[in-house]
């Protein structure tokens, strides 16, 4: 079974949505720096996310409030 890698997140759109949800007003410089940081974090997490897991491993439970 072939699976294509997920598309890169649209961090600008994500930040715009989070600004609206959290009621923040970021300037362009702060918004750009956050976009850069999210891109870096995603790049660091990519190898870990690509690591195949044994199907026999138990999944963690999901907390529901």
Protein backbone atom coordinates (compact mmCIF):
# COMPACT_ATOMS: atom_id res chain seq x y z
CA UNK A 1 0.00 0.00 0.00
CA UNK A 2 1.49 3.35 -1.05
CA UNK A 3 0.75 6.46 0.96
CA UNK A 4 1.83 9.90 -0.12
CA UNK A 5 3.34 12.18 2.52
CA UNK A 6 0.94 14.76 3.89
CA UNK A 7 1.04 18.22 2.38
CA UNK A 8 3.01 20.87 4.26
CA UNK A 9 0.81 22.88 6.60
CA UNK A 10 -0.20 26.38 5.58
CA UNK A 11 1.26 28.13 8.62
CA UNK A 12 0.11 31.58 7.50
CA UNK A 13 -3.50 30.39 7.40
CA UNK A 14 -3.07 28.60 10.75
CA UNK A 15 -1.71 31.74 12.38
CA UNK A 16 -4.54 33.83 10.94
CA UNK A 17 -7.08 31.41 12.39
CA UNK A 18 -5.37 31.31 15.79
CA UNK A 19 -5.24 35.11 15.90
CA UNK A 20 -8.98 35.21 15.33
CA UNK A 21 -9.78 32.43 17.83
CA UNK A 22 -7.51 33.84 20.56
CA UNK A 23 -8.37 37.48 19.89
CA UNK A 24 -4.75 38.41 19.20
CA UNK A 25 -3.47 41.24 17.03
CA UNK A 26 -0.01 40.33 15.74
CA UNK A 27 2.07 42.60 13.57
CA UNK A 28 3.59 41.32 10.33
CA UNK A 29 7.06 40.86 11.84
CA UNK A 30 5.76 38.76 14.75
CA UNK A 31 3.53 36.75 12.40
CA UNK A 32 6.48 36.00 10.10
CA UNK A 33 8.71 34.96 13.02
CA UNK A 34 6.01 32.57 14.28
CA UNK A 35 5.66 31.11 10.78
CA UNK A 36 9.43 30.53 10.66
CA UNK A 37 9.40 28.86 14.09
CA UNK A 38 6.45 26.58 13.23
CA UNK A 39 8.25 25.57 10.02
CA UNK A 40 11.39 24.72 12.03
CA UNK A 41 9.44 22.72 14.61
CA UNK A 42 7.66 20.77 11.85
CA UNK A 43 11.01 20.00 10.19
CA UNK A 44 12.41 18.67 13.48
CA UNK A 45 9.33 16.50 14.05
CA UNK A 46 9.26 15.09 10.51
CA UNK A 47 11.72 12.19 11.08
CA UNK A 48 9.89 11.15 14.24
CA UNK A 49 6.50 11.29 12.55
CA UNK A 50 7.85 9.14 9.68
CA UNK A 51 8.99 6.40 12.05
CA UNK A 52 6.86 3.30 11.44
CA UNK A 53 5.22 1.85 14.52
CA UNK A 54 4.63 -1.81 15.21
CA UNK A 55 0.93 -2.58 14.69
CA UNK A 56 0.94 -4.55 17.95
CA UNK A 57 1.70 -1.50 20.07
CA UNK A 58 -1.12 -0.27 22.25
CA UNK A 59 -2.36 3.17 21.45
CA UNK A 60 -2.59 5.72 24.21
CA UNK A 61 -6.04 6.52 25.47
CA UNK A 62 -7.76 9.73 24.49
CA UNK A 63 -8.58 12.13 27.32
CA UNK A 64 -12.09 13.52 27.14
CA UNK A 65 -13.25 16.21 29.54
